[in-house]
N, C-alpha and C. Protein backbone atom coordinates (compact mmCIF):
# COMPACT_ATOMS: atom_id res chain seq x y z
N MET A 1 0.85 -1.19 0.00
CA MET A 1 0.00 0.00 0.00
C MET A 1 0.88 1.25 0.00
N LYS A 2 0.78 2.04 -1.06
CA LYS A 2 1.57 3.27 -1.15
C LYS A 2 0.70 4.42 -0.64
N ILE A 3 1.18 5.07 0.42
CA ILE A 3 0.40 6.08 1.13
C ILE A 3 1.08 7.44 1.03
N TRP A 4 0.27 8.47 0.76
CA TRP A 4 0.73 9.86 0.80
C TRP A 4 0.08 10.53 2.00
N HIS A 5 0.89 11.03 2.92
CA HIS A 5 0.38 11.68 4.12
C HIS A 5 0.63 13.18 4.04
N ILE A 6 -0.45 13.96 4.20
CA ILE A 6 -0.36 15.41 4.21
C ILE A 6 -1.14 15.96 5.40
N SER A 7 -0.78 17.15 5.84
CA SER A 7 -1.45 17.77 6.97
C SER A 7 -1.22 19.27 6.95
N ASP A 8 -2.10 20.01 7.62
CA ASP A 8 -1.89 21.44 7.85
C ASP A 8 -1.64 22.21 6.55
N THR A 9 -2.55 22.04 5.63
CA THR A 9 -2.45 22.79 4.37
C THR A 9 -2.93 24.22 4.52
N HIS A 10 -3.83 24.49 5.45
CA HIS A 10 -4.28 25.85 5.77
C HIS A 10 -4.65 26.66 4.53
N THR A 11 -5.41 26.05 3.65
CA THR A 11 -5.97 26.60 2.39
C THR A 11 -5.00 26.56 1.21
N TYR A 12 -3.78 26.08 1.40
CA TYR A 12 -2.81 26.07 0.31
C TYR A 12 -2.64 24.69 -0.33
N HIS A 13 -3.68 23.87 -0.24
CA HIS A 13 -3.63 22.50 -0.77
C HIS A 13 -3.35 22.45 -2.27
N GLU A 14 -3.81 23.44 -3.02
CA GLU A 14 -3.65 23.40 -4.48
C GLU A 14 -2.20 23.61 -4.90
N LEU A 15 -1.33 24.00 -3.98
CA LEU A 15 0.10 24.14 -4.30
C LEU A 15 0.84 22.80 -4.22
N LEU A 16 0.18 21.79 -3.67
CA LEU A 16 0.82 20.48 -3.53
C LEU A 16 1.00 19.80 -4.89
N THR A 17 2.06 19.03 -5.00
CA THR A 17 2.28 18.17 -6.15
C THR A 17 1.88 16.75 -5.77
N VAL A 18 0.91 16.21 -6.48
CA VAL A 18 0.40 14.88 -6.14
C VAL A 18 1.37 13.83 -6.66
N PRO A 19 1.92 13.00 -5.78
CA PRO A 19 2.86 11.95 -6.23
C PRO A 19 2.14 10.93 -7.11
N GLU A 20 2.92 10.21 -7.91
CA GLU A 20 2.34 9.19 -8.78
C GLU A 20 2.21 7.86 -8.05
N GLY A 21 1.24 7.07 -8.48
CA GLY A 21 1.11 5.70 -8.01
C GLY A 21 0.64 5.56 -6.58
N ILE A 22 -0.10 6.54 -6.05
CA ILE A 22 -0.55 6.51 -4.66
C ILE A 22 -1.85 5.71 -4.55
N ASP A 23 -1.90 4.82 -3.57
CA ASP A 23 -3.11 4.03 -3.30
C ASP A 23 -4.03 4.70 -2.28
N MET A 24 -3.44 5.45 -1.33
CA MET A 24 -4.20 6.07 -0.26
C MET A 24 -3.59 7.40 0.11
N VAL A 25 -4.44 8.42 0.27
CA VAL A 25 -3.98 9.70 0.79
C VAL A 25 -4.62 9.89 2.16
N ILE A 26 -3.80 10.28 3.13
CA ILE A 26 -4.26 10.53 4.50
C ILE A 26 -4.03 12.00 4.81
N PHE A 27 -5.11 12.67 5.21
CA PHE A 27 -5.01 14.07 5.64
C PHE A 27 -5.29 14.12 7.13
N SER A 28 -4.38 14.72 7.89
CA SER A 28 -4.51 14.69 9.34
C SER A 28 -4.79 16.06 9.96
N GLY A 29 -5.58 16.88 9.27
CA GLY A 29 -6.15 18.06 9.91
C GLY A 29 -5.59 19.40 9.53
N ASP A 30 -6.44 20.43 9.76
CA ASP A 30 -6.15 21.83 9.50
C ASP A 30 -6.04 22.15 8.01
N CYS A 31 -7.16 21.98 7.33
CA CYS A 31 -7.24 22.44 5.94
C CYS A 31 -7.67 23.89 5.88
N SER A 32 -8.04 24.47 7.02
CA SER A 32 -8.65 25.80 7.05
C SER A 32 -7.99 26.66 8.11
N ASN A 33 -8.54 27.87 8.33
CA ASN A 33 -7.92 28.82 9.25
C ASN A 33 -8.84 29.46 10.29
N PRO A 34 -9.98 30.08 9.92
CA PRO A 34 -10.69 30.94 10.87
C PRO A 34 -11.28 30.19 12.06
N ARG A 35 -11.31 30.86 13.20
CA ARG A 35 -11.94 30.31 14.40
C ARG A 35 -13.46 30.27 14.23
N ASP A 36 -14.04 31.30 13.61
CA ASP A 36 -15.49 31.35 13.44
C ASP A 36 -15.94 30.25 12.50
N PRO A 37 -16.81 29.31 12.93
CA PRO A 37 -17.15 28.16 12.08
C PRO A 37 -17.88 28.53 10.80
N TYR A 38 -18.61 29.63 10.80
CA TYR A 38 -19.36 30.01 9.61
C TYR A 38 -18.43 30.59 8.54
N THR A 39 -17.39 31.28 8.97
CA THR A 39 -16.37 31.74 8.03
C THR A 39 -15.50 30.56 7.59
N ASN A 40 -15.26 29.66 8.50
CA ASN A 40 -14.41 28.50 8.26
C ASN A 40 -15.01 27.53 7.23
N GLU A 41 -16.33 27.46 7.19
CA GLU A 41 -17.01 26.46 6.36
C GLU A 41 -16.61 26.52 4.89
N HIS A 42 -16.51 27.72 4.33
CA HIS A 42 -16.18 27.86 2.90
C HIS A 42 -14.81 27.26 2.62
N GLU A 43 -13.84 27.47 3.50
CA GLU A 43 -12.50 26.95 3.28
C GLU A 43 -12.48 25.43 3.32
N VAL A 44 -13.23 24.84 4.25
CA VAL A 44 -13.25 23.38 4.32
C VAL A 44 -13.94 22.79 3.09
N ARG A 45 -15.01 23.40 2.65
CA ARG A 45 -15.70 22.89 1.46
C ARG A 45 -14.81 22.98 0.22
N ASN A 46 -14.01 24.03 0.15
CA ASN A 46 -13.06 24.15 -0.96
C ASN A 46 -12.04 23.02 -0.92
N PHE A 47 -11.57 22.69 0.29
CA PHE A 47 -10.63 21.57 0.43
C PHE A 47 -11.29 20.26 0.02
N ILE A 48 -12.53 20.03 0.44
CA ILE A 48 -13.22 18.79 0.10
C ILE A 48 -13.32 18.62 -1.42
N THR A 49 -13.62 19.71 -2.12
CA THR A 49 -13.70 19.65 -3.58
C THR A 49 -12.36 19.22 -4.18
N TRP A 50 -11.29 19.81 -3.69
CA TRP A 50 -9.95 19.43 -4.17
C TRP A 50 -9.62 18.00 -3.81
N PHE A 51 -9.86 17.62 -2.58
CA PHE A 51 -9.54 16.28 -2.09
C PHE A 51 -10.28 15.23 -2.92
N ASN A 52 -11.54 15.51 -3.21
CA ASN A 52 -12.35 14.59 -4.01
C ASN A 52 -11.82 14.46 -5.43
N SER A 53 -11.17 15.49 -5.94
CA SER A 53 -10.69 15.48 -7.33
C SER A 53 -9.43 14.65 -7.51
N LEU A 54 -8.76 14.29 -6.43
CA LEU A 54 -7.51 13.54 -6.53
C LEU A 54 -7.76 12.16 -7.11
N LYS A 55 -6.93 11.74 -8.03
CA LYS A 55 -7.08 10.43 -8.66
C LYS A 55 -6.42 9.36 -7.80
N ILE A 56 -6.90 9.26 -6.57
CA ILE A 56 -6.40 8.31 -5.58
C ILE A 56 -7.60 7.56 -5.03
N LYS A 57 -7.53 6.25 -4.98
CA LYS A 57 -8.71 5.44 -4.66
C LYS A 57 -9.21 5.66 -3.24
N HIS A 58 -8.30 5.64 -2.27
CA HIS A 58 -8.71 5.70 -0.86
C HIS A 58 -8.29 7.04 -0.27
N LYS A 59 -9.26 7.75 0.31
CA LYS A 59 -9.00 9.07 0.89
C LYS A 59 -9.51 9.10 2.33
N ILE A 60 -8.63 9.48 3.25
CA ILE A 60 -8.98 9.55 4.67
C ILE A 60 -8.81 10.99 5.15
N PHE A 61 -9.83 11.50 5.82
CA PHE A 61 -9.80 12.85 6.38
C PHE A 61 -9.98 12.79 7.89
N VAL A 62 -9.08 13.43 8.62
CA VAL A 62 -9.20 13.64 10.05
C VAL A 62 -9.11 15.14 10.29
N GLY A 63 -10.00 15.67 11.09
CA GLY A 63 -10.04 17.11 11.33
C GLY A 63 -8.91 17.58 12.23
N GLY A 64 -8.72 18.90 12.24
CA GLY A 64 -7.73 19.53 13.10
C GLY A 64 -8.33 20.65 13.91
N ASN A 65 -7.54 21.24 14.77
CA ASN A 65 -8.08 22.24 15.68
C ASN A 65 -8.56 23.50 14.95
N HIS A 66 -8.10 23.73 13.73
CA HIS A 66 -8.59 24.88 12.96
C HIS A 66 -9.84 24.57 12.14
N ASP A 67 -10.23 23.31 12.05
CA ASP A 67 -11.39 22.94 11.23
C ASP A 67 -12.67 23.05 12.04
N THR A 68 -12.96 24.28 12.49
CA THR A 68 -14.04 24.52 13.44
C THR A 68 -15.42 24.25 12.86
N SER A 69 -15.59 24.43 11.56
CA SER A 69 -16.91 24.19 10.95
C SER A 69 -17.28 22.71 10.98
N VAL A 70 -16.27 21.84 10.98
CA VAL A 70 -16.53 20.40 11.06
C VAL A 70 -16.90 20.03 12.50
N GLU A 71 -16.15 20.56 13.45
CA GLU A 71 -16.48 20.28 14.85
C GLU A 71 -17.89 20.74 15.19
N LYS A 72 -18.31 21.88 14.66
CA LYS A 72 -19.63 22.43 14.98
C LYS A 72 -20.76 21.80 14.17
N GLY A 73 -20.43 20.90 13.25
CA GLY A 73 -21.46 20.19 12.52
C GLY A 73 -22.00 20.91 11.29
N LEU A 74 -21.37 22.01 10.88
CA LEU A 74 -21.76 22.66 9.63
C LEU A 74 -21.37 21.81 8.45
N ILE A 75 -20.31 21.05 8.62
CA ILE A 75 -19.88 20.03 7.66
C ILE A 75 -19.86 18.72 8.43
N THR A 76 -20.46 17.69 7.87
CA THR A 76 -20.64 16.44 8.60
C THR A 76 -19.90 15.28 7.93
N LYS A 77 -19.90 14.18 8.63
CA LYS A 77 -19.32 12.94 8.10
C LYS A 77 -19.92 12.59 6.75
N ASP A 78 -21.23 12.82 6.60
CA ASP A 78 -21.91 12.49 5.34
C ASP A 78 -21.37 13.30 4.17
N ASN A 79 -20.93 14.55 4.44
CA ASN A 79 -20.37 15.37 3.36
C ASN A 79 -19.12 14.74 2.75
N PHE A 80 -18.39 14.00 3.54
CA PHE A 80 -17.22 13.29 3.05
C PHE A 80 -17.61 11.94 2.45
N GLU A 81 -18.43 11.21 3.17
CA GLU A 81 -18.67 9.82 2.80
C GLU A 81 -19.57 9.66 1.58
N HIS A 82 -20.41 10.64 1.29
CA HIS A 82 -21.22 10.50 0.07
C HIS A 82 -20.36 10.71 -1.18
N LEU A 83 -19.15 11.22 -0.99
CA LEU A 83 -18.18 11.36 -2.09
C LEU A 83 -17.19 10.19 -2.12
N GLY A 84 -17.38 9.24 -1.22
CA GLY A 84 -16.52 8.06 -1.20
C GLY A 84 -15.26 8.21 -0.37
N MET A 85 -15.20 9.26 0.44
CA MET A 85 -14.06 9.46 1.33
C MET A 85 -14.37 8.86 2.70
N TYR A 86 -13.32 8.63 3.48
CA TYR A 86 -13.48 8.15 4.85
C TYR A 86 -13.24 9.32 5.81
N TYR A 87 -14.22 9.57 6.67
CA TYR A 87 -14.08 10.59 7.71
C TYR A 87 -13.95 9.88 9.05
N LEU A 88 -12.83 10.10 9.74
CA LEU A 88 -12.58 9.42 11.01
C LEU A 88 -12.54 10.43 12.14
N GLU A 89 -13.41 10.23 13.12
CA GLU A 89 -13.45 11.06 14.32
C GLU A 89 -13.56 10.13 15.52
N ASN A 90 -12.41 9.79 16.08
CA ASN A 90 -12.35 8.83 17.19
C ASN A 90 -12.95 7.49 16.77
N SER A 91 -12.61 7.08 15.56
CA SER A 91 -13.18 5.87 14.98
C SER A 91 -12.16 5.20 14.07
N SER A 92 -12.50 3.97 13.64
CA SER A 92 -11.59 3.18 12.82
C SER A 92 -12.29 2.68 11.57
N VAL A 93 -11.47 2.32 10.59
CA VAL A 93 -11.96 1.71 9.36
C VAL A 93 -10.91 0.69 8.91
N GLU A 94 -11.35 -0.36 8.23
CA GLU A 94 -10.40 -1.32 7.66
C GLU A 94 -10.39 -1.18 6.15
N ILE A 95 -9.19 -0.97 5.60
CA ILE A 95 -9.01 -0.82 4.16
C ILE A 95 -7.89 -1.73 3.71
N LYS A 96 -8.19 -2.64 2.80
CA LYS A 96 -7.19 -3.55 2.25
C LYS A 96 -6.41 -4.29 3.34
N GLY A 97 -7.10 -4.68 4.40
CA GLY A 97 -6.47 -5.44 5.47
C GLY A 97 -5.78 -4.61 6.53
N PHE A 98 -5.75 -3.28 6.38
CA PHE A 98 -5.14 -2.40 7.37
C PHE A 98 -6.23 -1.74 8.21
N LYS A 99 -6.11 -1.86 9.52
CA LYS A 99 -7.03 -1.17 10.42
C LYS A 99 -6.47 0.21 10.73
N ILE A 100 -7.27 1.24 10.42
CA ILE A 100 -6.81 2.62 10.51
C ILE A 100 -7.70 3.37 11.49
N PHE A 101 -7.09 3.99 12.48
CA PHE A 101 -7.80 4.79 13.48
C PHE A 101 -7.50 6.26 13.26
N GLY A 102 -8.51 7.11 13.42
CA GLY A 102 -8.30 8.55 13.28
C GLY A 102 -8.98 9.35 14.37
N SER A 103 -8.30 10.41 14.82
CA SER A 103 -8.87 11.30 15.85
C SER A 103 -8.35 12.72 15.68
N PRO A 104 -9.24 13.73 15.85
CA PRO A 104 -8.82 15.13 15.78
C PRO A 104 -8.38 15.70 17.13
N LEU A 105 -8.45 14.92 18.20
CA LEU A 105 -8.20 15.45 19.54
C LEU A 105 -6.75 15.94 19.71
N THR A 106 -6.61 17.10 20.35
CA THR A 106 -5.29 17.62 20.71
C THR A 106 -5.36 18.21 22.10
N PRO A 107 -4.23 18.24 22.81
CA PRO A 107 -4.23 18.89 24.13
C PRO A 107 -4.50 20.38 23.98
N THR A 108 -5.24 20.93 24.92
CA THR A 108 -5.49 22.37 24.93
C THR A 108 -4.16 23.11 25.06
N TYR A 109 -3.98 24.09 24.19
CA TYR A 109 -2.74 24.87 24.19
C TYR A 109 -3.12 26.32 23.94
N GLY A 110 -2.79 27.21 24.85
CA GLY A 110 -3.18 28.60 24.67
C GLY A 110 -4.69 28.76 24.81
N ASP A 111 -5.29 29.48 23.88
CA ASP A 111 -6.72 29.78 23.95
C ASP A 111 -7.58 28.57 23.60
N GLY A 112 -7.00 27.59 22.91
CA GLY A 112 -7.78 26.42 22.54
C GLY A 112 -8.64 26.69 21.31
N TRP A 113 -8.85 25.63 20.51
CA TRP A 113 -9.69 25.73 19.33
C TRP A 113 -10.58 24.49 19.27
N ALA A 114 -10.74 23.90 18.11
CA ALA A 114 -11.63 22.74 17.96
C ALA A 114 -11.00 21.48 18.54
N TRP A 115 -11.84 20.63 19.11
CA TRP A 115 -11.46 19.29 19.59
C TRP A 115 -10.32 19.31 20.60
N ASN A 116 -10.19 20.37 21.38
CA ASN A 116 -9.16 20.41 22.41
C ASN A 116 -9.62 19.71 23.68
N LYS A 117 -8.70 19.00 24.31
CA LYS A 117 -8.98 18.32 25.57
C LYS A 117 -7.88 18.62 26.58
N ASP A 118 -8.25 18.70 27.83
CA ASP A 118 -7.26 18.86 28.89
C ASP A 118 -6.29 17.68 28.87
N ARG A 119 -5.01 17.97 29.00
CA ARG A 119 -3.99 16.91 28.93
C ARG A 119 -4.22 15.82 29.97
N THR A 120 -4.74 16.18 31.10
CA THR A 120 -4.92 15.19 32.17
C THR A 120 -5.99 14.16 31.84
N LYS A 121 -6.83 14.44 30.86
CA LYS A 121 -7.92 13.51 30.50
C LYS A 121 -7.57 12.61 29.33
N LEU A 122 -6.47 12.93 28.64
CA LEU A 122 -6.20 12.23 27.38
C LEU A 122 -5.69 10.80 27.57
N ASP A 123 -5.03 10.52 28.64
CA ASP A 123 -4.53 9.16 28.85
C ASP A 123 -5.68 8.16 28.85
N ARG A 124 -6.72 8.45 29.61
CA ARG A 124 -7.88 7.57 29.66
C ARG A 124 -8.58 7.50 28.31
N ILE A 125 -8.68 8.64 27.63
CA ILE A 125 -9.36 8.68 26.34
C ILE A 125 -8.65 7.81 25.31
N TRP A 126 -7.33 7.98 25.18
CA TRP A 126 -6.59 7.19 24.17
C TRP A 126 -6.68 5.70 24.45
N LYS A 127 -6.60 5.31 25.70
CA LYS A 127 -6.70 3.90 26.04
C LYS A 127 -8.06 3.31 25.65
N ASN A 128 -9.10 4.14 25.73
CA ASN A 128 -10.45 3.67 25.44
C ASN A 128 -10.80 3.65 23.97
N ILE A 129 -10.18 4.52 23.16
CA ILE A 129 -10.64 4.64 21.77
C ILE A 129 -9.66 4.10 20.74
N ILE A 130 -8.40 3.89 21.11
CA ILE A 130 -7.45 3.31 20.15
C ILE A 130 -7.28 1.83 20.47
N ASP A 131 -7.76 0.97 19.59
CA ASP A 131 -7.69 -0.47 19.82
C ASP A 131 -6.26 -0.98 19.73
N ASP A 132 -6.02 -2.12 20.38
CA ASP A 132 -4.69 -2.70 20.40
C ASP A 132 -4.21 -3.17 19.03
N ASP A 133 -5.16 -3.51 18.13
CA ASP A 133 -4.79 -4.12 16.85
C ASP A 133 -4.77 -3.13 15.69
N VAL A 134 -4.68 -1.83 15.97
CA VAL A 134 -4.64 -0.82 14.91
C VAL A 134 -3.29 -0.85 14.20
N ASP A 135 -3.32 -0.79 12.86
CA ASP A 135 -2.09 -0.78 12.06
C ASP A 135 -1.59 0.64 11.80
N ILE A 136 -2.52 1.57 11.58
CA ILE A 136 -2.16 2.95 11.26
C ILE A 136 -2.96 3.87 12.18
N VAL A 137 -2.27 4.73 12.91
CA VAL A 137 -2.92 5.73 13.75
C VAL A 137 -2.78 7.09 13.08
N VAL A 138 -3.91 7.79 12.95
CA VAL A 138 -3.91 9.13 12.37
C VAL A 138 -4.48 10.09 13.41
N THR A 139 -3.67 11.01 13.87
CA THR A 139 -4.13 12.02 14.81
C THR A 139 -3.73 13.39 14.28
N HIS A 140 -4.46 14.41 14.71
CA HIS A 140 -4.00 15.75 14.33
C HIS A 140 -2.76 16.11 15.14
N GLY A 141 -2.79 15.81 16.42
CA GLY A 141 -1.69 16.19 17.29
C GLY A 141 -0.52 15.23 17.25
N ALA A 142 0.63 15.75 17.64
CA ALA A 142 1.87 14.97 17.65
C ALA A 142 2.06 14.28 19.00
N PRO A 143 2.77 13.16 19.00
CA PRO A 143 3.19 12.56 20.28
C PRO A 143 4.36 13.37 20.85
N LYS A 144 4.46 13.39 22.16
CA LYS A 144 5.51 14.20 22.79
C LYS A 144 6.90 13.68 22.42
N TYR A 145 7.81 14.61 22.17
CA TYR A 145 9.23 14.38 21.88
C TYR A 145 9.50 13.93 20.45
N ILE A 146 8.46 13.80 19.62
CA ILE A 146 8.68 13.31 18.26
C ILE A 146 8.13 14.32 17.25
N LEU A 147 9.01 15.04 16.59
CA LEU A 147 8.63 16.02 15.57
C LEU A 147 7.59 17.01 16.10
N ASP A 148 7.83 17.52 17.33
CA ASP A 148 6.84 18.36 18.01
C ASP A 148 7.46 19.61 18.64
N SER A 149 8.61 20.04 18.15
CA SER A 149 9.29 21.19 18.77
C SER A 149 8.70 22.50 18.27
N SER A 150 8.57 23.44 19.18
CA SER A 150 8.03 24.75 18.83
C SER A 150 8.70 25.81 19.69
N ILE A 151 8.32 27.06 19.47
CA ILE A 151 8.79 28.16 20.30
C ILE A 151 7.69 28.50 21.28
N GLY A 152 7.94 28.34 22.57
CA GLY A 152 6.93 28.58 23.58
C GLY A 152 6.69 30.05 23.82
N TYR A 153 5.72 30.31 24.68
CA TYR A 153 5.38 31.70 25.00
C TYR A 153 6.56 32.43 25.67
N ASP A 154 7.46 31.66 26.28
CA ASP A 154 8.63 32.27 26.91
C ASP A 154 9.81 32.41 25.94
N LYS A 155 9.55 32.12 24.63
CA LYS A 155 10.54 32.25 23.56
C LYS A 155 11.58 31.14 23.58
N ASN A 156 11.43 30.16 24.44
CA ASN A 156 12.33 29.01 24.47
C ASN A 156 11.71 27.85 23.69
N ILE A 157 12.56 26.88 23.31
CA ILE A 157 12.05 25.72 22.58
C ILE A 157 11.19 24.87 23.51
N ASP A 158 10.03 24.50 23.00
CA ASP A 158 9.05 23.74 23.77
C ASP A 158 8.68 22.48 22.98
N VAL A 159 8.72 21.32 23.61
CA VAL A 159 8.18 20.12 22.97
C VAL A 159 6.73 20.01 23.42
N CYS A 160 5.82 20.27 22.50
CA CYS A 160 4.43 20.50 22.88
C CYS A 160 3.50 19.34 22.52
N GLY A 161 4.07 18.18 22.16
CA GLY A 161 3.24 17.03 21.84
C GLY A 161 2.59 16.42 23.06
N ASP A 162 1.86 15.34 22.83
CA ASP A 162 1.02 14.70 23.84
C ASP A 162 1.70 13.45 24.37
N LYS A 163 2.11 13.47 25.65
CA LYS A 163 2.79 12.31 26.25
C LYS A 163 1.84 11.12 26.36
N SER A 164 0.57 11.36 26.64
CA SER A 164 -0.39 10.26 26.74
C SER A 164 -0.55 9.55 25.39
N LEU A 165 -0.50 10.32 24.30
CA LEU A 165 -0.58 9.72 22.97
C LEU A 165 0.66 8.87 22.70
N LEU A 166 1.82 9.39 23.05
CA LEU A 166 3.04 8.60 22.88
C LEU A 166 2.97 7.30 23.68
N ASN A 167 2.47 7.38 24.90
CA ASN A 167 2.33 6.17 25.72
C ASN A 167 1.49 5.11 25.02
N ARG A 168 0.39 5.54 24.40
CA ARG A 168 -0.50 4.58 23.73
C ARG A 168 0.17 4.01 22.48
N ILE A 169 0.88 4.83 21.75
CA ILE A 169 1.60 4.33 20.58
C ILE A 169 2.64 3.31 21.00
N GLU A 170 3.34 3.56 22.08
CA GLU A 170 4.33 2.60 22.58
C GLU A 170 3.68 1.28 22.96
N GLN A 171 2.45 1.34 23.46
CA GLN A 171 1.75 0.11 23.86
C GLN A 171 1.34 -0.75 22.67
N ILE A 172 0.89 -0.09 21.59
CA ILE A 172 0.32 -0.88 20.47
C ILE A 172 1.29 -1.06 19.31
N ASN A 173 2.32 -0.21 19.21
CA ASN A 173 3.37 -0.35 18.19
C ASN A 173 2.78 -0.50 16.78
N PRO A 174 2.03 0.50 16.30
CA PRO A 174 1.46 0.40 14.95
C PRO A 174 2.53 0.53 13.87
N LYS A 175 2.16 0.20 12.65
CA LYS A 175 3.09 0.34 11.54
C LYS A 175 3.42 1.81 11.26
N LEU A 176 2.42 2.67 11.42
CA LEU A 176 2.55 4.06 11.01
C LEU A 176 1.72 4.95 11.93
N HIS A 177 2.29 6.09 12.32
CA HIS A 177 1.55 7.11 13.06
C HIS A 177 1.67 8.42 12.29
N CYS A 178 0.53 8.88 11.75
CA CYS A 178 0.47 10.11 10.96
C CYS A 178 -0.12 11.24 11.81
N PHE A 179 0.50 12.41 11.76
CA PHE A 179 0.01 13.56 12.52
C PHE A 179 0.53 14.83 11.86
N GLY A 180 0.21 15.96 12.46
CA GLY A 180 0.68 17.26 11.99
C GLY A 180 0.66 18.23 13.15
N HIS A 181 -0.11 19.32 13.00
CA HIS A 181 -0.40 20.27 14.08
C HIS A 181 0.79 21.15 14.43
N VAL A 182 1.96 20.57 14.60
CA VAL A 182 3.16 21.35 14.93
C VAL A 182 3.96 21.52 13.64
N HIS A 183 3.97 22.75 13.14
CA HIS A 183 4.62 23.03 11.86
C HIS A 183 6.12 23.29 12.05
N ASN A 184 6.81 23.47 10.93
CA ASN A 184 8.16 24.04 11.00
C ASN A 184 8.06 25.43 11.61
N ASN A 185 9.09 25.85 12.34
CA ASN A 185 9.00 27.12 13.06
C ASN A 185 10.37 27.70 13.30
N ASN A 186 10.69 28.84 12.67
CA ASN A 186 11.90 29.61 12.98
C ASN A 186 13.16 28.75 12.97
N GLY A 187 13.30 27.97 11.90
CA GLY A 187 14.46 27.11 11.76
C GLY A 187 14.30 25.72 12.34
N ILE A 188 13.24 25.48 13.07
CA ILE A 188 12.94 24.15 13.61
C ILE A 188 12.18 23.36 12.56
N ILE A 189 12.69 22.20 12.19
CA ILE A 189 12.05 21.37 11.16
C ILE A 189 11.33 20.21 11.83
N ASN A 190 10.00 20.21 11.71
CA ASN A 190 9.19 19.10 12.21
C ASN A 190 8.64 18.23 11.09
N ALA A 191 8.43 18.80 9.93
CA ALA A 191 7.89 18.03 8.80
C ALA A 191 8.87 16.93 8.42
N GLY A 192 8.33 15.73 8.20
CA GLY A 192 9.19 14.62 7.83
C GLY A 192 8.85 13.38 8.62
N THR A 193 9.79 12.46 8.70
CA THR A 193 9.55 11.18 9.37
C THR A 193 10.64 10.89 10.39
N ARG A 194 10.29 9.99 11.29
CA ARG A 194 11.26 9.58 12.31
C ARG A 194 10.90 8.18 12.80
N THR A 195 11.90 7.45 13.21
CA THR A 195 11.69 6.19 13.92
C THR A 195 12.45 6.26 15.24
N VAL A 196 12.08 5.37 16.14
CA VAL A 196 12.79 5.26 17.41
C VAL A 196 13.24 3.81 17.57
N PRO A 197 14.36 3.56 18.27
CA PRO A 197 14.95 2.22 18.29
C PRO A 197 14.06 1.12 18.86
N TYR A 198 13.15 1.47 19.75
CA TYR A 198 12.40 0.46 20.48
C TYR A 198 11.01 0.17 19.89
N LEU A 199 10.69 0.78 18.72
CA LEU A 199 9.40 0.56 18.08
C LEU A 199 9.58 0.29 16.60
N ASP A 200 8.59 -0.41 16.00
CA ASP A 200 8.57 -0.59 14.55
C ASP A 200 7.88 0.57 13.85
N THR A 201 7.22 1.41 14.59
CA THR A 201 6.39 2.49 14.06
C THR A 201 7.22 3.52 13.29
N ILE A 202 6.69 3.91 12.12
CA ILE A 202 7.20 5.09 11.41
C ILE A 202 6.33 6.27 11.84
N PHE A 203 6.95 7.32 12.35
CA PHE A 203 6.25 8.54 12.74
C PHE A 203 6.33 9.54 11.59
N SER A 204 5.19 10.13 11.23
CA SER A 204 5.14 11.05 10.10
C SER A 204 4.44 12.35 10.47
N ASN A 205 5.19 13.45 10.47
CA ASN A 205 4.59 14.77 10.58
C ASN A 205 4.40 15.28 9.15
N GLY A 206 3.15 15.32 8.72
CA GLY A 206 2.84 15.67 7.34
C GLY A 206 2.56 17.13 7.09
N SER A 207 2.82 18.01 8.08
CA SER A 207 2.53 19.44 7.90
C SER A 207 3.34 19.99 6.73
N VAL A 208 2.71 20.86 5.95
CA VAL A 208 3.35 21.33 4.71
C VAL A 208 3.66 22.83 4.74
N VAL A 209 3.37 23.50 5.85
CA VAL A 209 3.63 24.94 5.95
C VAL A 209 4.61 25.22 7.09
N THR A 210 5.14 26.43 7.08
CA THR A 210 6.00 26.92 8.15
C THR A 210 5.31 28.10 8.81
N ASP A 211 5.32 28.16 10.12
CA ASP A 211 4.69 29.25 10.85
C ASP A 211 5.21 30.61 10.36
N ARG A 212 4.27 31.53 10.20
CA ARG A 212 4.53 32.91 9.77
C ARG A 212 5.04 32.99 8.33
N LYS A 213 4.97 31.87 7.59
CA LYS A 213 5.36 31.89 6.18
C LYS A 213 4.30 31.20 5.34
N PHE A 214 3.05 31.30 5.76
CA PHE A 214 1.97 30.66 5.00
C PHE A 214 1.92 31.26 3.59
N GLY A 215 1.56 30.42 2.65
CA GLY A 215 1.48 30.85 1.25
C GLY A 215 2.56 30.22 0.40
N VAL A 216 3.59 29.71 1.04
CA VAL A 216 4.66 28.98 0.36
C VAL A 216 4.81 27.65 1.07
N LEU A 217 4.65 26.54 0.36
CA LEU A 217 4.78 25.25 1.00
C LEU A 217 6.25 24.93 1.25
N THR A 218 6.52 24.36 2.42
CA THR A 218 7.88 23.96 2.77
C THR A 218 8.03 22.45 2.86
N SER A 219 6.96 21.73 2.54
CA SER A 219 6.99 20.27 2.45
C SER A 219 5.89 19.85 1.50
N ASN A 220 6.04 18.68 0.92
CA ASN A 220 4.99 18.13 0.05
C ASN A 220 4.39 16.87 0.69
N GLY A 221 4.49 16.78 2.03
CA GLY A 221 4.01 15.60 2.73
C GLY A 221 5.02 14.46 2.64
N ASN A 222 4.58 13.29 3.07
CA ASN A 222 5.45 12.12 3.15
C ASN A 222 4.81 10.93 2.45
N VAL A 223 5.62 10.10 1.80
CA VAL A 223 5.14 8.94 1.07
C VAL A 223 5.75 7.68 1.67
N PHE A 224 4.92 6.64 1.82
CA PHE A 224 5.36 5.37 2.41
C PHE A 224 4.84 4.20 1.61
N ASN A 225 5.54 3.10 1.67
CA ASN A 225 5.03 1.81 1.23
C ASN A 225 4.86 0.94 2.45
N ILE A 226 3.62 0.64 2.81
CA ILE A 226 3.32 -0.13 4.02
C ILE A 226 2.83 -1.51 3.63
N LYS A 227 3.43 -2.53 4.24
CA LYS A 227 3.04 -3.91 3.96
C LYS A 227 2.46 -4.57 5.20
């Protein structure tokens, strides 16, 4: 299965170059920008039109904290699925023998946006909603310490990922963990892939933009062959 993972397009999806020979495209959140869900809706619908146009058989969409119109129900699961796409919100689907779980949940950070949860509650949530036999985990948020570096409010480097999510990934050891949310920032590169010595999992931050430089893509996502 050849997979293209993208995330955090923030309305610049049409600048992407679609790789050849892709069997599945996974989008892990933030196709839009505005906090107001009614303003946000137009941007998400524009993304859906583009996503649907891709000549790729299997398409998976997971929302992000900026996709407020989806969280508020202005755009629903049916809007994706009647076009033949898979919409995952704390749910799983099996495609070609791979069990794929998706969730938009992220720890509350700053003012908070869509699908934010208090960090202290996420450990219980992940244990309850991510099954042990999942092959591919798709979340909007990053696991702590893995492609999650940012500049904190105190101007120092902050690893802002979710430790509870990392704990669950360590428990189930999936083939692939796709996420975004934390972009490249002031010379810090998060987009790309990483592995760790004690897991088989490939970690993929599919974000394609750099903070404060929106309008020019700095990544084209990540491509994998998963068996």
